Protein backbone atom coordinates (compact mmCIF):
# COMPACT_ATOMS: atom_id res chain seq x y z
CA MET A 1 58.65 8.96 79.87
CA LYS A 2 56.31 9.09 76.56
CA TYR A 3 52.48 10.09 76.47
CA LYS A 4 50.05 9.94 73.94
CA TYR A 5 46.06 10.92 74.07
CA GLU A 6 44.07 10.19 71.48
CA ASP A 7 40.13 8.95 71.32
CA GLY A 8 39.89 9.44 75.42
CA ASN A 9 42.32 7.25 76.29
CA LEU A 10 46.03 8.80 78.32
CA ASN A 11 48.89 5.95 76.97
CA ILE A 12 51.49 6.91 78.75
CA ASN A 13 54.98 4.56 78.58
CA LEU A 14 57.63 5.05 81.43
CA ASN A 15 60.56 4.06 81.23
CA GLU A 16 62.76 5.00 84.28
CA GLU A 17 62.54 3.19 87.52
CA LEU A 18 59.91 3.59 90.16
CA ASP A 19 61.96 4.24 92.91
CA MET A 20 61.83 7.29 95.80
CA LYS A 21 64.03 9.57 93.33
CA ASN A 22 61.85 9.31 90.17
CA CYS A 23 58.87 8.92 91.22
CA LYS A 24 58.08 12.47 92.72
CA LEU A 25 58.32 14.12 89.37
CA LEU A 26 56.74 11.63 87.76
CA ARG A 27 53.48 12.13 89.91
CA THR A 28 53.53 15.50 89.41
CA VAL A 29 53.41 15.06 85.68
CA ILE A 30 51.42 12.00 85.27
CA ASP A 31 48.74 13.64 87.64
CA GLY A 32 49.10 16.43 84.83
CA TYR A 33 48.33 14.86 81.84
CA ILE A 34 45.30 12.88 83.91
CA MET A 35 44.00 16.63 85.08
CA LYS A 36 44.44 18.10 81.84
CA TYR A 37 42.32 15.16 79.70
CA GLN A 38 40.27 13.67 81.79
CA PRO A 39 40.82 10.29 80.26
CA LYS A 40 37.89 7.20 79.97
CA GLU A 41 41.34 5.14 80.65
CA CYS A 42 44.72 5.58 81.63
CA VAL A 43 46.94 2.79 80.25
CA LEU A 44 50.48 3.01 81.57
CA ASP A 45 52.91 0.74 79.96
CA LEU A 46 56.09 -0.41 82.13
CA SER A 47 57.56 -2.70 79.49
CA ASN A 48 60.79 -0.56 79.72
CA VAL A 49 60.88 -0.52 83.88
CA GLU A 50 63.38 -2.47 85.35
CA PHE A 51 63.17 -1.59 89.16
CA MET A 52 59.87 -0.33 91.41
CA ASP A 53 59.95 -0.04 95.02
CA SER A 54 57.53 0.91 97.19
CA SER A 55 57.48 4.36 96.12
CA GLY A 56 56.50 2.96 92.75
CA ILE A 57 53.59 1.02 94.40
CA GLY A 58 52.28 4.08 96.38
CA LEU A 59 52.43 5.83 92.60
CA LEU A 60 50.61 3.43 90.54
CA ILE A 61 48.13 3.27 93.43
CA GLY A 62 47.57 7.02 93.94
CA ARG A 63 47.63 7.39 90.04
CA TYR A 64 44.64 4.81 90.28
CA ASN A 65 42.60 6.28 93.22
CA LEU A 66 42.83 9.64 91.11
CA LEU A 67 41.42 8.34 87.91
CA LYS A 68 38.78 6.29 89.94
CA MET A 69 37.78 9.94 91.21
CA LEU A 70 37.32 11.40 87.91
CA ASP A 71 35.03 7.58 86.76
CA SER A 72 37.94 6.83 84.42
CA LYS A 73 40.14 3.65 84.57
CA MET A 74 43.73 2.26 84.81
CA THR A 75 45.47 -0.36 83.10
CA ILE A 76 48.78 -1.52 83.55
CA ILE A 77 50.24 -3.39 80.45
CA ASN A 78 53.51 -5.41 79.72
CA PRO A 79 55.24 -5.51 83.26
CA THR A 80 58.83 -7.42 83.27
CA SER A 81 58.52 -10.22 84.93
CA SER A 82 60.38 -8.60 87.86
CA ILE A 83 58.07 -6.13 88.31
CA LYS A 84 55.16 -8.58 87.36
CA ARG A 85 56.69 -9.88 90.65
CA VAL A 86 56.23 -6.97 92.48
CA LEU A 87 52.64 -6.05 91.38
CA GLU A 88 51.05 -9.38 92.59
CA LEU A 89 53.08 -9.40 95.79
CA SER A 90 51.35 -6.09 96.56
CA ASN A 91 48.11 -7.42 96.19
CA ILE A 92 47.61 -4.31 93.31
CA GLY A 93 46.08 -6.30 90.47
CA LYS A 94 42.93 -6.91 92.68
CA SER A 95 42.34 -3.50 91.89
CA ILE A 96 43.57 -2.07 88.87
CA THR A 97 44.18 -3.96 85.36
CA MET A 98 46.89 -5.81 84.51
CA ARG A 99 47.68 -7.01 80.74
CA CYS A 100 50.82 -8.26 78.61
CA GLU A 101 50.19 -7.98 74.90
C-alpha cells in the first residue's frame, strides 16, 4: 500500500488482496491516515487488487462510513474487471463513487 496526501486529498494505492487476512491491518492503517489528515476526499486505487472477498467489501464500506462522518467523500478508481464485478454485485456503487481512469 502506498499513500499520498496533497491539497486536501488522500490517495491510497492498494496492492494486496482484500481478504480477511489483510483487511484487519489495512483497516487500522487507512483509518490512521484518515484521522490524521481528515481529507476532503479519499481516493482508493484498486488497479493492483486481484482478489477481494466479503472482508474487502466490509473494509470499503467501513471507510466510506468513517469518511461520511467526517463530511468527506470516497472514490474508488481503476478496479480490475473481476473486482468491479464484485463491487457491482454488492451494490457498493450506489453509495461510493467508482470511476476508471
